Protein backbone atom coordinates (compact mmCIF):
# COMPACT_ATOMS: atom_id res chain seq x y z
CA ARG A 1 10.73 -2.11 5.12
CA GLY A 2 11.09 -5.94 5.01
CA SER A 3 8.09 -6.13 2.88
CA ARG A 4 7.63 -6.71 -0.62
CA SER A 5 5.80 -3.60 -1.14
CA CYS A 6 8.31 -1.54 0.77
CA PRO A 7 12.01 -1.78 -0.14
CA LYS A 8 14.53 -1.42 2.51
CA THR A 9 16.01 2.15 3.04
CA GLY A 10 18.90 3.13 5.08
CA HIS A 11 18.04 5.07 7.98
CA ARG A 12 21.08 7.25 8.37
CA SER A 13 21.46 9.16 11.22
CA THR A 14 21.26 12.71 10.57
CA ARG A 15 24.04 15.23 11.60
CA ARG A 16 23.26 18.72 12.22
CA PRO A 17 25.37 21.89 13.00
CA VAL A 18 25.07 23.01 16.27
CA ALA A 19 24.43 26.65 15.15
CA SER A 20 20.39 26.43 14.19
CA SER A 21 18.68 28.83 12.03
CA ARG A 22 15.75 27.96 14.26
CA LYS A 23 15.20 29.46 17.86
CA ALA A 24 15.89 27.13 20.90
CA HIS A 25 12.96 26.50 22.95
CA PRO A 26 13.54 26.99 26.54
CA ARG A 27 13.40 24.10 28.84
CA HIS A 28 10.67 25.47 30.88
CA LEU A 29 8.33 26.12 28.04
CA ALA A 30 8.64 22.97 26.48
CA ALA A 31 6.07 21.09 28.29
CA LYS A 32 3.28 23.28 26.04
CA LEU A 33 4.20 21.17 22.99
CA ASN A 34 3.24 17.72 24.05
CA ALA A 35 1.29 16.06 27.37
CA VAL A 36 3.06 13.42 28.78
CA VAL A 37 0.68 10.87 27.97
CA ARG A 38 1.82 7.34 26.90
CA PRO A 39 -0.19 5.17 24.60
CA PHE A 40 -0.40 1.13 24.79
CA ALA A 41 -1.51 -1.09 27.68
CA PRO A 42 0.38 -0.48 31.37
CA ASN A 43 1.88 -3.80 30.91
CA SER A 44 2.71 -3.44 27.39
CA VAL A 45 6.40 -4.32 25.96
CA TRP A 46 6.96 -0.54 26.33
CA ASN A 47 5.26 0.65 29.34
CA GLU A 48 6.20 -2.31 32.08
CA PRO A 49 9.38 -1.99 34.04
CA LEU A 50 12.03 -4.84 33.68
CA ALA A 51 12.37 -7.36 36.60
CA ALA A 52 15.36 -7.03 38.38
CA ASN A 53 16.26 -10.55 37.74
CA ALA A 54 14.92 -10.66 34.46
CA PRO A 55 16.73 -13.59 32.73
CA LEU A 56 19.70 -12.67 30.64
CA ASP A 57 20.13 -14.41 26.80
CA PRO A 58 22.99 -16.87 26.55
CA ARG A 59 24.45 -14.67 23.76
CA SER A 60 23.94 -11.62 25.58
CA SER A 61 28.16 -11.16 25.88
CA THR A 62 28.10 -11.50 21.93
CA TYR A 63 25.72 -9.11 20.92
CA VAL A 64 26.76 -6.39 23.65
CA SER A 65 30.00 -7.09 21.64
CA ASP A 66 28.46 -6.94 18.31
CA LEU A 67 27.03 -3.38 19.84
CA LEU A 68 29.94 -1.80 20.96
CA SER A 69 31.89 -2.90 17.51
CA GLN A 70 29.01 -1.29 15.64
CA ILE A 71 29.26 1.99 17.99
CA ALA A 72 33.32 1.84 17.15
CA PHE A 73 32.64 1.89 13.64
CA ALA A 74 29.92 3.76 12.87
CA GLY A 75 29.37 5.97 16.16
CA THR A 76 26.19 6.75 17.91
CA TRP A 77 23.23 9.45 17.19
CA LEU A 78 19.91 10.73 18.55
CA ASN A 79 17.59 11.25 15.55
CA THR A 80 15.28 14.49 15.86
CA TYR A 81 14.58 16.57 12.95
CA ALA A 82 15.23 14.06 10.09
CA TYR A 83 14.68 10.22 10.31
CA SER A 84 12.60 10.49 13.10
CA THR A 85 8.76 10.92 13.62
CA PRO A 86 6.32 13.79 14.09
CA VAL A 87 3.34 13.03 16.25
CA PHE A 88 0.19 15.08 15.60
CA THR A 89 -2.07 14.85 18.23
CA VAL A 90 -5.82 15.41 17.01
CA PRO A 91 -8.99 16.22 18.79
CA ALA A 92 -12.15 13.88 17.99
CA THR A 93 -13.49 16.91 15.89
CA GLN A 94 -10.26 16.80 13.42
CA PRO A 95 -11.86 16.50 9.96
CA THR A 96 -10.66 13.77 7.96
CA VAL A 97 -8.70 12.89 4.59
CA THR A 98 -8.03 9.82 2.95
CA VAL A 99 -4.51 8.38 2.65
CA LYS A 100 -4.06 6.26 -0.71
CA LEU A 101 -1.53 3.37 -0.06
CA ASP A 102 0.89 3.08 -2.97
CA ALA A 103 1.24 -0.37 -2.84
CA GLY A 104 0.06 -3.82 -4.21
CA PHE A 105 -3.14 -5.89 -3.73
CA SER A 106 -2.29 -8.49 -0.93
CA THR A 107 -4.92 -9.17 1.71
CA ALA A 108 -2.98 -6.84 4.07
CA MET A 109 -2.37 -3.97 1.64
CA GLN A 110 -6.24 -4.25 1.18
CA SER A 111 -7.20 -4.15 4.79
CA LEU A 112 -4.83 -1.17 5.11
CA ALA A 113 -5.67 0.74 2.64
CA GLN A 114 -9.57 0.40 4.01
CA THR A 115 -8.43 1.83 7.53
CA TRP A 116 -6.89 4.73 5.86
CA ALA A 117 -10.18 5.81 4.15
CA THR A 118 -10.66 8.48 6.63
CA VAL A 119 -7.69 9.67 8.50
CA PRO A 120 -7.72 13.14 10.99
CA ILE A 121 -4.96 15.07 9.66
CA PRO A 122 -4.39 18.28 10.09
CA PRO A 123 -3.75 20.80 7.32
CA ASN A 124 -0.35 21.93 8.45
CA ALA A 125 0.77 18.18 9.12
CA LYS A 126 3.86 17.30 7.28
CA PRO A 127 6.11 14.22 7.72
CA ALA A 128 9.68 13.89 8.85
CA SER A 129 12.69 15.04 6.44
CA GLY A 130 14.55 12.08 5.00
CA THR A 131 13.54 9.63 2.35
CA ASP A 132 11.49 7.51 5.28
CA ALA A 133 9.11 10.57 5.42
CA GLN A 134 7.52 8.87 8.80
CA MET A 135 4.25 10.52 10.23
CA VAL A 136 2.36 9.42 13.26
CA ILE A 137 -1.48 10.61 13.89
CA TRP A 138 -2.78 9.90 17.12
CA GLN A 139 -6.46 10.77 18.54
CA PRO A 140 -7.46 9.95 21.93
CA ALA A 141 -10.89 10.36 21.70
CA THR A 142 -10.86 7.26 19.66
CA ASP A 143 -8.03 5.29 21.01
CA THR A 144 -6.43 5.13 17.56
CA ILE A 145 -2.86 5.67 16.13
CA TRP A 146 -2.18 6.11 12.37
CA GLU A 147 1.54 5.68 11.20
CA PHE A 148 3.21 6.16 7.74
CA TRP A 149 6.07 5.70 5.85
CA GLU A 150 7.39 7.41 3.01
CA MET A 151 4.17 9.70 3.47
CA HIS A 152 3.96 12.69 0.99
CA ARG A 153 1.51 14.81 -0.56
CA LYS A 154 0.37 15.10 -4.40
CA GLY A 155 -2.39 16.82 -6.15
CA ASP A 156 -4.84 14.48 -5.14
CA GLY A 157 -4.13 14.32 -1.52
CA TRP A 158 -1.90 12.29 0.73
CA HIS A 159 -0.04 9.39 -0.23
CA ALA A 160 2.30 6.83 1.74
CA ALA A 161 4.23 3.35 0.83
CA TRP A 162 3.06 1.46 3.83
CA GLY A 163 2.19 2.07 7.48
CA GLY A 164 -0.14 0.99 10.22
CA THR A 165 -3.61 1.61 11.90
CA LEU A 166 -3.39 0.86 15.74
CA TYR A 167 -6.99 0.27 17.09
CA HIS A 168 -7.89 0.29 20.75
CA ALA A 169 -4.43 2.05 21.47
CA SER A 170 -4.63 2.04 25.20
CA THR A 171 -4.86 -1.50 25.55
CA ASN A 172 -2.63 -2.84 22.52
CA PRO A 173 0.37 -4.62 24.05
CA GLY A 174 2.48 -2.34 21.92
CA TYR A 175 3.22 -4.02 18.52
CA TYR A 176 0.76 -5.17 15.43
CA THR A 177 -1.01 -8.21 16.28
CA ALA A 178 -3.21 -11.03 14.15
CA PRO A 179 -4.90 -10.64 11.90
CA GLU A 180 -2.32 -8.30 10.48
CA PRO A 181 1.02 -8.44 12.50
CA THR A 182 3.44 -7.21 9.67
CA TRP A 183 1.84 -3.35 9.30
CA GLY A 184 3.67 -1.11 10.55
CA ALA A 185 6.24 2.01 9.46
CA SER A 186 9.08 0.23 10.96
CA ALA A 187 11.04 -2.47 9.74
CA THR A 188 9.81 -4.56 12.60
CA SER A 189 6.55 -3.74 12.49
CA LEU A 190 7.00 -1.93 16.08
CA PRO A 191 4.89 1.07 16.47
CA LEU A 192 7.18 4.21 15.95
CA LEU A 193 5.55 5.33 18.68
CA GLY A 194 6.32 2.66 21.14
CA GLY A 195 10.05 3.94 22.00
CA LEU A 196 9.62 7.25 20.83
CA ILE A 197 11.37 10.32 23.32
CA ARG A 198 8.56 12.87 23.47
CA VAL A 199 9.55 16.43 24.04
CA GLY A 200 6.94 16.23 26.97
CA GLU A 201 8.75 13.73 28.82
CA LEU A 202 11.99 15.84 28.61
CA ALA A 203 10.33 18.86 29.91
CA ALA A 204 8.87 16.55 32.76
CA GLY A 205 12.62 15.36 33.54
CA HIS A 206 11.87 11.31 33.18
CA ILE A 207 11.09 8.67 30.20
CA ASP A 208 8.61 6.42 31.46
CA HIS A 209 8.88 3.50 29.03
CA ALA A 210 11.27 1.58 26.99
CA LEU A 211 13.47 3.15 24.09
CA SER A 212 13.85 2.13 20.29
CA ILE A 213 16.92 2.05 18.66
CA GLY A 214 18.36 1.66 15.41
CA ILE A 215 21.29 -0.19 14.41
CA PRO A 216 23.75 -0.26 11.67
CA GLN A 217 23.91 -4.27 11.28
CA ALA A 218 21.35 -6.41 12.47
CA GLN A 219 20.70 -10.28 11.90
CA ALA A 220 19.10 -11.49 8.92
CA GLU A 221 16.22 -13.21 8.62
CA SER A 222 15.56 -14.33 12.20
CA PHE A 223 14.36 -11.64 14.58
CA ALA A 224 13.10 -11.67 18.50
CA TRP A 225 9.77 -10.69 20.01
CA PRO A 226 8.48 -8.54 20.04
CA ALA A 227 9.44 -7.87 16.49
CA GLN A 228 7.23 -9.13 13.92
CA ARG A 229 9.47 -9.16 11.05
CA THR A 230 13.33 -7.78 9.85
CA ASP A 231 15.00 -5.78 7.51
CA GLY A 232 18.11 -7.32 8.77
CA SER A 233 21.18 -7.92 6.42
CA VAL A 234 24.22 -9.92 8.27
CA TYR A 235 24.05 -13.94 8.08
CA SER A 236 25.21 -14.66 11.13
CA THR A 237 23.88 -16.02 14.52
CA ALA A 238 26.35 -13.83 16.52
CA ALA A 239 24.54 -10.84 14.96
CA ILE A 240 21.93 -8.73 17.11
CA PRO A 241 18.57 -9.67 15.76
CA GLU A 242 15.85 -6.65 15.50
CA GLY A 243 13.63 -6.80 18.42
CA GLN A 244 16.31 -7.73 20.76
CA ARG A 245 16.00 -6.04 23.94
CA PHE A 246 18.73 -4.59 25.85
CA ARG A 247 19.03 -3.20 29.29
CA LEU A 248 21.49 -1.43 31.47
CA ASP A 249 22.82 -3.74 34.28
CA PRO A 250 20.38 -2.73 37.34
CA ARG A 251 23.35 -2.89 39.80
CA LEU A 252 24.94 -0.17 38.00
CA ASN A 253 24.66 3.02 39.92
CA LEU A 254 24.26 5.65 37.63
CA ASN A 255 24.63 8.55 39.76
CA THR A 256 28.52 7.85 39.93
CA ILE A 257 28.42 8.76 36.26
CA PRO A 258 28.54 12.23 35.06
CA MET A 259 26.03 12.58 32.17
CA ALA A 260 24.26 15.15 30.32
CA PRO A 261 20.44 15.76 31.74
CA ILE A 262 19.00 14.07 28.60
CA ILE A 263 21.60 11.31 28.62
CA ARG A 264 20.72 10.55 32.30
CA MET A 265 17.19 10.64 31.41
CA ILE A 266 18.02 7.84 28.68
CA ALA A 267 20.06 5.65 30.81
CA VAL A 268 17.36 5.73 33.72
CA ALA A 269 15.05 4.83 31.13
CA ALA A 270 17.41 1.91 29.81
CA GLN A 271 17.83 0.72 32.95
CA LYS A 272 14.53 0.43 34.12
CA TYR A 273 12.49 -0.33 30.74
CA GLY A 274 15.56 -1.68 28.56
CA ILE A 275 16.04 -0.67 24.68
CA ILE A 276 14.50 -2.76 21.78
CA VAL A 277 16.02 -2.82 18.47
CA ARG A 278 13.49 -1.33 16.06
CA ASP A 279 15.11 -0.81 12.91
CA GLN A 280 18.52 -0.84 10.80
CA ALA A 281 20.10 2.38 11.04
CA GLY A 282 23.43 4.27 10.11
CA ALA A 283 24.77 4.52 13.48
CA VAL A 284 23.20 2.98 16.61
CA THR A 285 20.65 5.56 16.96
CA PHE A 286 17.64 6.38 19.32
CA TYR A 287 14.90 8.16 18.00
CA ALA A 288 13.35 11.44 19.73
CA GLU A 289 10.00 13.42 18.34
CA ASP A 290 10.15 15.88 15.52
CA THR A 291 9.22 19.22 16.40
CA ASP A 292 10.88 20.49 12.92
CA ALA A 293 7.98 18.74 11.13
CA GLU A 294 5.50 19.83 13.90
CA GLY A 295 6.33 23.67 13.07
CA LEU A 296 7.21 23.78 16.70
CA PRO A 297 10.33 25.47 17.90
CA ASP A 298 13.60 23.69 18.48
CA PRO A 299 13.82 22.02 21.82
CA TYR A 300 17.07 20.16 20.92
CA TYR A 301 19.68 22.60 19.66
CA GLY A 302 21.32 26.04 20.39
CA PRO A 303 22.76 27.00 23.86
CA HIS A 304 19.31 26.54 25.51
CA GLY A 305 18.85 23.47 23.98
CA TYR A 306 18.55 19.69 25.56
CA PHE A 307 21.80 19.19 23.59
CA GLU A 308 23.51 21.97 25.44
CA GLY A 309 25.34 23.56 22.34
CA GLN A 310 26.62 20.07 21.27
CA TYR A 311 26.82 17.33 18.84
CA VAL A 312 24.65 14.85 20.50
CA ASN A 313 27.22 11.97 19.77
CA ASN A 314 29.26 13.60 22.41
CA LEU A 315 26.95 13.61 25.06
CA LEU A 316 26.25 9.92 24.27
CA ALA A 317 29.68 9.23 24.87
CA SER A 318 29.11 9.04 28.69
CA PHE A 319 26.34 6.72 28.54
CA PRO A 320 27.44 3.61 30.01
CA TRP A 321 27.40 1.36 26.55
CA SER A 322 29.37 -1.59 28.04
CA HIS A 323 27.25 -2.28 31.39
CA LEU A 324 24.26 -3.40 28.74
CA GLN A 325 22.82 -6.50 28.79
CA ALA A 326 20.84 -8.62 26.46
CA LEU A 327 17.65 -10.19 28.03
CA LYS A 328 16.74 -13.60 26.85
CA ASP A 329 14.92 -13.78 23.61
CA ASN A 330 12.58 -15.21 21.57
CA LEU A 331 13.86 -15.76 18.00
CA SER A 332 11.54 -16.64 15.00
CA CYS A 333 13.12 -17.22 11.70
CA CYS A 334 11.91 -16.30 8.86
CA TRP A 335 10.33 -13.50 7.17
CA GLN A 336 10.82 -13.57 3.44
CA LYS A 337 11.70 -9.98 2.43
């Protein structure tokens, strides 16, 4: 995670057989799973549309070429039931529990542990599958988001290796700020809920925010705003820094490109709001809400799911990757892992 208390882990793109043992959820019922409500300020890094003339980075062609090379080598994916994030939206009356921070004793760790003394976790909650074991609790009534990395339950209750707490989420700029900018379950301290594709958004037919993406190889030490840190491993200025924002060329007419409905929604969001590099991963990977951990029917797999009975990497082949542009970044150096 780019933190001394949190060793790096590889985010692997999990591949799941098309035939699922869980019942696929009809699309017209998926809206019942999640209300389409966005956290963070309207002008946050996630929610504000990009200007058509947003300046490109001088290294745009280099970064896009690097991304295409990583796609050719590692492929693409959309993480759903593993190595993504379940979101438990809880009422004001939800009883609270303590989450113990399994980490050291720095100031950041002590202050984070204090915010986990009373977390409104429902009794049926569980983290996503995979070693990252991420989980998000969102309580709109208190305008607070808690997120956890390596979340697990022991005999004495919940434990996590790292994570963060965001107060005043509705006015937050979309990332962790001072005095604790390096909180957060992602490698960049960008909130897990920021670029997550929600099931309710898919049911509504549009994604009204920027998207998060993981890539196999990111630039070491340097990172781009809005990232606050990095776990990048490539010592080259030609490598993509974490935090880099891509967008689809606004001049591209997406209506001329055949795409599955879910890929078209992703492409429209990528053109209007952009894609922000959040983590390193086993493939070039988007993230969608993990309904498996929430115990809800599967909206993705099966003949009636959003993946239309196919492997999602086959659907992502129609995404116009070569038309991406890298927007001008603001590099910071150096995060000491």
